[in-house]
C-alpha atoms as a PDB file:
ATOM      1  CA  MET A   1      31.750 -17.169  24.399  1.00  0.00           C
ATOM      2  CA  SER A   2      31.408 -18.137  20.733  1.00  0.00           C
ATOM      3  CA  LYS A   3      28.020 -18.617  19.048  1.00  0.00           C
ATOM      4  CA  LYS A   4      26.902 -21.035  16.339  1.00  0.00           C
ATOM      5  CA  VAL A   5      24.661 -20.283  13.349  1.00  0.00           C
ATOM      6  CA  LYS A   6      23.109 -22.996  11.192  1.00  0.00           C
ATOM      7  CA  MET A   7      22.609 -22.013   7.532  1.00  0.00           C
ATOM      8  CA  ILE A   8      19.895 -24.255   6.082  1.00  0.00           C
ATOM      9  CA  PHE A   9      19.983 -24.738   2.306  1.00  0.00           C
ATOM     10  CA  PRO A  10      16.431 -25.848   1.347  1.00  0.00           C
ATOM     11  CA  VAL A  11      17.436 -28.971  -0.617  1.00  0.00           C
ATOM     12  CA  PRO A  12      20.117 -31.660  -0.249  1.00  0.00           C
ATOM     13  CA  MET A  13      23.692 -30.609  -1.085  1.00  0.00           C
ATOM     14  CA  SER A  14      26.196 -32.765  -2.950  1.00  0.00           C
ATOM     15  CA  ASP A  15      29.933 -32.669  -2.364  1.00  0.00           C
ATOM     16  CA  ALA A  16      30.242 -30.609  -5.545  1.00  0.00           C
ATOM     17  CA  THR A  17      27.507 -28.142  -4.601  1.00  0.00           C
ATOM     18  CA  ARG A  18      28.556 -27.517  -0.996  1.00  0.00           C
ATOM     19  CA  PRO A  19      31.619 -25.331  -1.744  1.00  0.00           C
ATOM     20  CA  MET A  20      29.564 -23.156  -4.109  1.00  0.00           C
ATOM     21  CA  VAL A  21      26.812 -22.675  -1.534  1.00  0.00           C
ATOM     22  CA  GLU A  22      29.280 -21.978   1.278  1.00  0.00           C
ATOM     23  CA  ALA A  23      31.036 -19.415  -0.944  1.00  0.00           C
ATOM     24  CA  GLN A  24      28.159 -17.052  -0.110  1.00  0.00           C
ATOM     25  CA  LEU A  25      30.046 -16.281   3.094  1.00  0.00           C
ATOM     26  CA  PRO A  26      33.752 -15.870   2.286  1.00  0.00           C
ATOM     27  CA  ALA A  27      36.209 -15.473   5.134  1.00  0.00           C
ATOM     28  CA  GLY A  28      35.925 -11.685   5.109  1.00  0.00           C
ATOM     29  CA  PHE A  29      32.217 -11.875   5.987  1.00  0.00           C
ATOM     30  CA  ARG A  30      32.686 -14.189   8.967  1.00  0.00           C
ATOM     31  CA  ARG A  31      33.614 -13.362  12.540  1.00  0.00           C
ATOM     32  CA  PRO A  32      35.955 -15.482  14.653  1.00  0.00           C
ATOM     33  CA  ASP A  33      33.441 -15.536  17.514  1.00  0.00           C
ATOM     34  CA  ILE A  34      30.609 -17.018  15.393  1.00  0.00           C
ATOM     35  CA  GLU A  35      30.792 -20.517  13.924  1.00  0.00           C
ATOM     36  CA  VAL A  36      28.784 -21.045  10.744  1.00  0.00           C
ATOM     37  CA  GLU A  37      27.663 -24.448   9.492  1.00  0.00           C
ATOM     38  CA  PHE A  38      25.804 -25.058   6.218  1.00  0.00           C
ATOM     39  CA  VAL A  39      23.452 -28.013   5.897  1.00  0.00           C
ATOM     40  CA  GLY A  40      21.181 -29.261   3.128  1.00  0.00           C
ATOM     41  CA  ALA A  41      17.571 -29.987   4.064  1.00  0.00           C
ATOM     42  CA  GLY A  42      15.580 -33.127   3.352  1.00  0.00           C
ATOM     43  CA  ARG A  43      16.248 -35.903   0.869  1.00  0.00           C
ATOM     44  CA  VAL A  44      14.310 -34.638  -2.173  1.00  0.00           C
ATOM     45  CA  MET A  45      15.747 -32.262  -4.774  1.00  0.00           C
ATOM     46  CA  THR A  46      13.235 -29.592  -5.771  1.00  0.00           C
ATOM     47  CA  LEU A  47      13.370 -26.325  -7.708  1.00  0.00           C
ATOM     48  CA  ALA A  48      10.340 -24.848  -5.896  1.00  0.00           C
ATOM     49  CA  ASP A  49       8.629 -24.594  -9.266  1.00  0.00           C
ATOM     50  CA  SER A  50       5.114 -25.038  -7.834  1.00  0.00           C
ATOM     51  CA  TYR A  51       3.159 -24.658  -4.610  1.00  0.00           C
ATOM     52  CA  TYR A  52       3.440 -28.435  -4.253  1.00  0.00           C
ATOM     53  CA  ASP A  53       7.235 -28.292  -4.293  1.00  0.00           C
ATOM     54  CA  MET A  54       7.212 -25.289  -1.970  1.00  0.00           C
ATOM     55  CA  ALA A  55       5.348 -27.346   0.630  1.00  0.00           C
ATOM     56  CA  ILE A  56       7.920 -30.143   0.434  1.00  0.00           C
ATOM     57  CA  MET A  57      10.762 -27.659   0.805  1.00  0.00           C
ATOM     58  CA  GLU A  58       9.069 -25.979   3.755  1.00  0.00           C
ATOM     59  CA  MET A  59       8.690 -29.249   5.660  1.00  0.00           C
ATOM     60  CA  ALA A  60      12.337 -30.175   5.026  1.00  0.00           C
ATOM     61  CA  VAL A  61      13.571 -26.788   6.282  1.00  0.00           C
ATOM     62  CA  ILE A  62      11.417 -26.998   9.418  1.00  0.00           C
ATOM     63  CA  GLU A  63      12.876 -30.392  10.288  1.00  0.00           C
ATOM     64  CA  ALA A  64      16.435 -29.147   9.735  1.00  0.00           C
ATOM     65  CA  GLY A  65      15.747 -26.089  11.889  1.00  0.00           C
ATOM     66  CA  MET A  66      14.444 -28.169  14.775  1.00  0.00           C
ATOM     67  CA  ARG A  67      17.515 -30.365  14.527  1.00  0.00           C
ATOM     68  CA  ALA A  68      19.757 -27.288  14.661  1.00  0.00           C
ATOM     69  CA  GLU A  69      18.350 -26.159  18.014  1.00  0.00           C
ATOM     70  CA  ALA A  70      18.629 -29.707  19.373  1.00  0.00           C
ATOM     71  CA  GLU A  71      22.293 -29.668  18.342  1.00  0.00           C
ATOM     72  CA  GLY A  72      22.941 -26.513  20.350  1.00  0.00           C
ATOM     73  CA  PHE A  73      23.000 -23.855  17.637  1.00  0.00           C
ATOM     74  CA  ASP A  74      22.259 -20.294  18.736  1.00  0.00           C
ATOM     75  CA  ALA A  75      20.480 -19.094  15.578  1.00  0.00           C
ATOM     76  CA  VAL A  76      18.997 -20.480  12.367  1.00  0.00           C
ATOM     77  CA  CYS A  77      19.378 -18.766   9.005  1.00  0.00           C
ATOM     78  CA  ILE A  78      17.143 -20.137   6.250  1.00  0.00           C
ATOM     79  CA  ASN A  79      19.159 -20.064   3.032  1.00  0.00           C
ATOM     80  CA  THR A  80      16.375 -19.467   0.507  1.00  0.00           C
ATOM     81  CA  VAL A  81      14.611 -16.240  -0.479  1.00  0.00           C
ATOM     82  CA  SER A  82      11.297 -18.095  -0.227  1.00  0.00           C
ATOM     83  CA  ASP A  83      11.832 -17.976   3.574  1.00  0.00           C
ATOM     84  CA  SER A  84      10.515 -21.546   3.667  1.00  0.00           C
ATOM     85  CA  GLY A  85       9.503 -22.589   7.176  1.00  0.00           C
ATOM     86  CA  LEU A  86      10.278 -19.191   8.692  1.00  0.00           C
ATOM     87  CA  ALA A  87       7.031 -18.630  10.621  1.00  0.00           C
ATOM     88  CA  ALA A  88       6.762 -22.274  11.755  1.00  0.00           C
ATOM     89  CA  LEU A  89      10.345 -22.342  13.035  1.00  0.00           C
ATOM     90  CA  ARG A  90       9.883 -19.048  14.845  1.00  0.00           C
ATOM     91  CA  ALA A  91       6.950 -20.620  16.663  1.00  0.00           C
ATOM     92  CA  ARG A  92       8.766 -23.883  17.380  1.00  0.00           C
ATOM     93  CA  LEU A  93      12.243 -22.658  18.335  1.00  0.00           C
ATOM     94  CA  SER A  94      13.488 -20.517  21.201  1.00  0.00           C
ATOM     95  CA  ILE A  95      16.478 -19.227  19.205  1.00  0.00           C
ATOM     96  CA  PRO A  96      16.411 -16.475  16.522  1.00  0.00           C
ATOM     97  CA  VAL A  97      15.268 -17.564  13.062  1.00  0.00           C
ATOM     98  CA  LEU A  98      16.054 -15.310  10.085  1.00  0.00           C
ATOM     99  CA  GLY A  99      15.253 -15.586   6.378  1.00  0.00           C
ATOM    100  CA  PRO A 100      16.860 -13.939   3.320  1.00  0.00           C
ATOM    101  CA  GLY A 101      13.611 -12.723   1.794  1.00  0.00           C
ATOM    102  CA  GLN A 102      12.346 -10.862   4.829  1.00  0.00           C
ATOM    103  CA  SER A 103      15.805  -9.538   5.679  1.00  0.00           C
ATOM    104  CA  ALA A 104      16.730  -8.344   2.183  1.00  0.00           C
ATOM    105  CA  PHE A 105      13.311  -6.871   1.372  1.00  0.00           C
ATOM    106  CA  HIS A 106      13.257  -4.795   4.537  1.00  0.00           C
ATOM    107  CA  VAL A 107      16.842  -3.630   4.095  1.00  0.00           C
ATOM    108  CA  ALA A 108      15.986  -2.701   0.485  1.00  0.00           C
ATOM    109  CA  ALA A 109      13.091  -0.604   1.782  1.00  0.00           C
ATOM    110  CA  MET A 110      15.572   1.200   4.037  1.00  0.00           C
ATOM    111  CA  LEU A 111      17.992   1.898   1.179  1.00  0.00           C
ATOM    112  CA  GLY A 112      15.520   3.282  -1.350  1.00  0.00           C
ATOM    113  CA  HIS A 113      11.907   4.020  -2.183  1.00  0.00           C
ATOM    114  CA  LYS A 114      11.244   1.052  -4.509  1.00  0.00           C
ATOM    115  CA  PHE A 115      13.047  -2.240  -4.997  1.00  0.00           C
ATOM    116  CA  SER A 116      12.890  -4.876  -7.709  1.00  0.00           C
ATOM    117  CA  VAL A 117      13.464  -8.595  -7.306  1.00  0.00           C
ATOM    118  CA  LEU A 118      15.783  -9.934 -10.004  1.00  0.00           C
ATOM    119  CA  THR A 119      15.417 -13.664 -10.488  1.00  0.00           C
ATOM    120  CA  MET A 120      16.110 -16.609 -12.804  1.00  0.00           C
ATOM    121  CA  TRP A 121      12.649 -17.673 -13.990  1.00  0.00           C
ATOM    122  CA  LYS A 122       9.016 -16.708 -13.738  1.00  0.00           C
ATOM    123  CA  ARG A 123       8.013 -19.899 -11.918  1.00  0.00           C
ATOM    124  CA  TRP A 124       9.457 -18.319  -8.755  1.00  0.00           C
ATOM    125  CA  PHE A 125       7.234 -15.239  -8.930  1.00  0.00           C
ATOM    126  CA  PRO A 126       4.592 -16.718  -6.564  1.00  0.00           C
ATOM    127  CA  LEU A 127       7.284 -17.100  -3.873  1.00  0.00           C
ATOM    128  CA  TYR A 128       8.018 -13.395  -3.873  1.00  0.00           C
ATOM    129  CA  ARG A 129       4.415 -12.259  -4.158  1.00  0.00           C
ATOM    130  CA  LYS A 130       3.477 -14.423  -1.168  1.00  0.00           C
ATOM    131  CA  THR A 131       6.206 -13.168   1.164  1.00  0.00           C
ATOM    132  CA  ILE A 132       6.080  -9.527   0.063  1.00  0.00           C
ATOM    133  CA  ASN A 133       2.331  -9.468   0.716  1.00  0.00           C
ATOM    134  CA  GLU A 134       2.825 -11.120   4.107  1.00  0.00           C
ATOM    135  CA  TYR A 135       5.457  -8.551   5.059  1.00  0.00           C
ATOM    136  CA  GLY A 136       3.280  -5.628   3.953  1.00  0.00           C
ATOM    137  CA  LEU A 137       5.857  -4.387   1.436  1.00  0.00           C
ATOM    138  CA  GLY A 138       3.720  -4.408  -1.701  1.00  0.00           C
ATOM    139  CA  SER A 139       3.835  -0.620  -1.977  1.00  0.00           C
ATOM    140  CA  ARG A 140       7.638  -0.702  -1.958  1.00  0.00           C
ATOM    141  CA  LEU A 141       7.951  -3.283  -4.752  1.00  0.00           C
ATOM    142  CA  ALA A 142       8.746  -1.797  -8.148  1.00  0.00           C
ATOM    143  CA  SER A 143       8.724  -5.086 -10.044  1.00  0.00           C
ATOM    144  CA  ILE A 144       9.758  -8.720 -10.233  1.00  0.00           C
ATOM    145  CA  ARG A 145      11.886  -9.471 -13.282  1.00  0.00           C
ATOM    146  CA  ALA A 146      13.246 -12.765 -14.594  1.00  0.00           C
ATOM    147  CA  ILE A 147      15.769 -13.736 -17.251  1.00  0.00           C
ATOM    148  CA  ASP A 148      13.948 -17.019 -18.008  1.00  0.00           C
ATOM    149  CA  VAL A 149      16.950 -19.266 -17.425  1.00  0.00           C
ATOM    150  CA  ARG A 150      16.123 -22.521 -15.628  1.00  0.00           C
ATOM    151  CA  PRO A 151      18.022 -22.619 -12.304  1.00  0.00           C
ATOM    152  CA  ASP A 152      20.556 -25.336 -11.551  1.00  0.00           C
ATOM    153  CA  THR A 153      20.699 -26.429  -7.899  1.00  0.00           C
ATOM    154  CA  GLU A 154      23.878 -28.421  -8.527  1.00  0.00           C
ATOM    155  CA  ALA A 155      26.118 -26.052 -10.530  1.00  0.00           C
ATOM    156  CA  LEU A 156      24.350 -22.798  -9.509  1.00  0.00           C
ATOM    157  CA  LEU A 157      25.642 -20.202 -11.995  1.00  0.00           C
ATOM    158  CA  SER A 158      29.041 -21.791 -12.584  1.00  0.00           C
ATOM    159  CA  GLY A 159      29.856 -22.183 -16.253  1.00  0.00           C
ATOM    160  CA  LYS A 160      27.055 -19.827 -17.267  1.00  0.00           C
ATOM    161  CA  GLU A 161      28.559 -16.536 -16.119  1.00  0.00           C
ATOM    162  CA  GLU A 162      29.083 -14.941 -19.535  1.00  0.00           C
ATOM    163  CA  VAL A 163      25.485 -15.477 -20.596  1.00  0.00           C
ATOM    164  CA  VAL A 164      23.656 -15.201 -17.272  1.00  0.00           C
ATOM    165  CA  PHE A 165      25.473 -12.150 -15.899  1.00  0.00           C
ATOM    166  CA  ALA A 166      24.751 -10.104 -19.030  1.00  0.00           C
ATOM    167  CA  LYS A 167      21.079 -11.122 -18.970  1.00  0.00           C
ATOM    168  CA  LEU A 168      20.798 -10.184 -15.291  1.00  0.00           C
ATOM    169  CA  GLU A 169      22.430  -6.815 -15.915  1.00  0.00           C
ATOM    170  CA  ALA A 170      20.093  -6.034 -18.807  1.00  0.00           C
ATOM    171  CA  GLU A 171      16.977  -7.011 -16.844  1.00  0.00           C
ATOM    172  CA  ALA A 172      18.122  -5.049 -13.784  1.00  0.00           C
ATOM    173  CA  LEU A 173      18.610  -1.941 -15.933  1.00  0.00           C
ATOM    174  CA  ARG A 174      15.059  -2.347 -17.236  1.00  0.00           C
ATOM    175  CA  ALA A 175      13.809  -2.569 -13.643  1.00  0.00           C
ATOM    176  CA  ILE A 176      15.644   0.665 -12.857  1.00  0.00           C
ATOM    177  CA  ASP A 177      14.787   2.591 -16.046  1.00  0.00           C
ATOM    178  CA  GLU A 178      11.262   1.316 -16.721  1.00  0.00           C
ATOM    179  CA  ASP A 179       9.907   0.244 -13.312  1.00  0.00           C
ATOM    180  CA  GLY A 180      11.463   2.885 -11.056  1.00  0.00           C
ATOM    181  CA  ALA A 181      13.576   0.539  -8.909  1.00  0.00           C
ATOM    182  CA  ASP A 182      16.307   2.214  -6.873  1.00  0.00           C
ATOM    183  CA  VAL A 183      17.441  -1.017  -5.184  1.00  0.00           C
ATOM    184  CA  ILE A 184      17.869  -4.505  -6.654  1.00  0.00           C
ATOM    185  CA  VAL A 185      17.413  -7.696  -4.605  1.00  0.00           C
ATOM    186  CA  LEU A 186      18.726 -10.969  -6.003  1.00  0.00           C
ATOM    187  CA  GLY A 187      15.828 -13.437  -6.052  1.00  0.00           C
ATOM    188  CA  SER A 188      17.751 -16.497  -4.904  1.00  0.00           C
ATOM    189  CA  THR A 189      20.697 -17.313  -2.678  1.00  0.00           C
ATOM    190  CA  THR A 190      21.863 -19.561  -5.541  1.00  0.00           C
ATOM    191  CA  MET A 191      22.493 -16.369  -7.550  1.00  0.00           C
ATOM    192  CA  HIS A 192      25.160 -15.094  -5.171  1.00  0.00           C
ATOM    193  CA  GLN A 193      27.914 -15.634  -7.738  1.00  0.00           C
ATOM    194  CA  SER A 194      26.473 -12.736  -9.761  1.00  0.00           C
ATOM    195  CA  HIS A 195      26.442 -10.244  -6.897  1.00  0.00           C
ATOM    196  CA  ALA A 196      29.924  -8.748  -7.260  1.00  0.00           C
ATOM    197  CA  TYR A 197      29.439  -8.266 -11.011  1.00  0.00           C
ATOM    198  CA  LEU A 198      26.033  -6.594 -10.642  1.00  0.00           C
ATOM    199  CA  ALA A 199      27.080  -4.442  -7.686  1.00  0.00           C
ATOM    200  CA  GLU A 200      29.957  -3.117  -9.800  1.00  0.00           C
ATOM    201  CA  CYS A 201      28.010  -2.367 -12.978  1.00  0.00           C
ATOM    202  CA  LEU A 202      24.612  -1.179 -11.709  1.00  0.00           C
ATOM    203  CA  PRO A 203      23.944   2.389 -10.488  1.00  0.00           C
ATOM    204  CA  VAL A 204      21.898   1.265  -7.447  1.00  0.00           C
ATOM    205  CA  PRO A 205      22.528  -0.942  -4.380  1.00  0.00           C
ATOM    206  CA  VAL A 206      22.355  -4.691  -5.081  1.00  0.00           C
ATOM    207  CA  LEU A 207      21.497  -6.955  -2.151  1.00  0.00           C
ATOM    208  CA  ASN A 208      22.840 -10.486  -1.814  1.00  0.00           C
ATOM    209  CA  PRO A 209      20.036 -11.937   0.356  1.00  0.00           C
ATOM    210  CA  GLY A 210      21.927 -14.822   1.960  1.00  0.00           C
ATOM    211  CA  VAL A 211      24.610 -12.470   3.266  1.00  0.00           C
ATOM    212  CA  VAL A 212      22.051  -9.936   4.476  1.00  0.00           C
ATOM    213  CA  ALA A 213      20.168 -12.636   6.417  1.00  0.00           C
ATOM    214  CA  TYR A 214      23.370 -13.958   7.978  1.00  0.00           C
ATOM    215  CA  LYS A 215      24.401 -10.459   9.062  1.00  0.00           C
ATOM    216  CA  MET A 216      20.942 -10.041  10.614  1.00  0.00           C
ATOM    217  CA  CYS A 217      21.649 -13.236  12.582  1.00  0.00           C
ATOM    218  CA  GLU A 218      24.819 -11.611  13.891  1.00  0.00           C
ATOM    219  CA  LEU A 219      22.847  -8.508  14.860  1.00  0.00           C
ATOM    220  CA  PHE A 220      20.164 -10.515  16.678  1.00  0.00           C
ATOM    221  CA  LEU A 221      22.803 -12.481  18.571  1.00  0.00           C
ATOM    222  CA  ASP A 222      24.745  -9.331  19.473  1.00  0.00           C
ATOM    223  CA  LEU A 223      21.622  -7.589  20.790  1.00  0.00           C
ATOM    224  CA  GLY A 224      20.080 -10.646  22.432  1.00  0.00           C
ATOM    225  CA  LEU A 225      16.979 -10.452  20.233  1.00  0.00           C
ATOM    226  CA  VAL A 226      14.589 -13.272  19.435  1.00  0.00           C
ATOM    227  CA  GLN A 227      11.200 -13.401  17.710  1.00  0.00           C
ATOM    228  CA  SER A 228       8.218 -12.214  19.751  1.00  0.00           C
ATOM    229  CA  ARG A 229       6.182 -14.916  21.449  1.00  0.00           C
ATOM    230  CA  LEU A 230       3.067 -12.786  20.965  1.00  0.00           C
ATOM    231  CA  ALA A 231       3.626 -12.815  17.207  1.00  0.00           C
ATOM    232  CA  TYR A 232       4.835 -16.439  17.084  1.00  0.00           C
ATOM    233  CA  PRO A 233       3.225 -18.342  19.981  1.00  0.00           C
ATOM    234  CA  ALA A 234       4.748 -21.720  20.773  1.00  0.00           C
ATOM    235  CA  PRO A 235       2.574 -24.791  20.094  1.00  0.00           C
ATOM    236  CA  GLU A 236       0.805 -26.322  23.095  1.00  0.00           C
ATOM    237  CA  THR A 237       2.382 -29.685  22.246  1.00  0.00           C
ATOM    238  CA  PHE A 238       5.298 -30.566  20.001  1.00  0.00           C
ATOM    239  CA  LYS A 239       4.588 -32.988  17.138  1.00  0.00           C
ATOM    240  CA  ASP A 240       8.128 -33.263  15.816  1.00  0.00           C
ATOM    241  CA  GLU A 241       7.684 -36.879  14.732  1.00  0.00           C
ATOM    242  CA  ALA A 242       5.572 -35.588  11.827  1.00  0.00           C
ATOM    243  CA  PHE A 243       8.740 -34.230  10.209  1.00  0.00           C
ATOM    244  CA  SER A 244      11.021 -37.258  10.642  1.00  0.00           C
ATOM    245  CA  THR A 245      10.387 -38.591   7.132  1.00  0.00           C
ATOM    246  CA  PHE A 246      12.181 -35.653   5.530  1.00  0.00           C
ATOM    247  CA  SER A 247      15.623 -36.580   6.893  1.00  0.00           C
ATOM    248  CA  GLY A 248      15.052 -40.258   7.481  1.00  0.00           C
ATOM    249  CA  GLY A 249      15.143 -39.973  11.267  1.00  0.00           C
ATOM    250  CA  GLY A 250      13.659 -38.203  14.261  1.00  0.00           C
ATOM    251  CA  ILE A 251      14.799 -35.076  16.047  1.00  0.00           C
ATOM    252  CA  ALA A 252      17.622 -35.744  18.471  1.00  0.00           C
END
């Protein structure tokens, strides 16, 4: 029997953006027995450039995750390295919930001794520090490095490849040579277009977090695993109406 995975992009997607986001999972990465559907969350575009914006994004992702279970999906994959809404959705849902940050950071710790997060701009640093501390991986983090290029949630990296890819390569080499990183983790799922280039030119493994998280969804579904209820106890009462404003309607 086939399974369904909902990939939740943390902001709304336009018709132009959708193909670029969905390109994270080309046909070769998908299985015929698992249906994958991408969806944008909420109605407000945000770059997660502050704790304020992070809170908005988290609420939108939680609402989209609840909707996914109501629609009959078998797993939720949060498509942002911030892992927005991960803990709340694990408490609320009875299906597996995976996030790219947690998945990629732990896989990086399996592949080497120290990993570096390679990202677009320094305003995202608090996202990584928060999750890495929560996951107890601070001792495995070599560094967080940014190229100081403002991210574009509409075009992603398209049209900027010649400049951005070279900057990412140079900063990754500094993380390896100066910080002691032996694994590189891309700091955003919106950076996936750079993965093939960096994996080819860098001397260490490079993790594309959206793909890693999706493959962890496959693993959880194959093994019948779901988050522990002792770690993520369900709420005594559901208050789903509190999230309806983020999509313009209630949970079906």
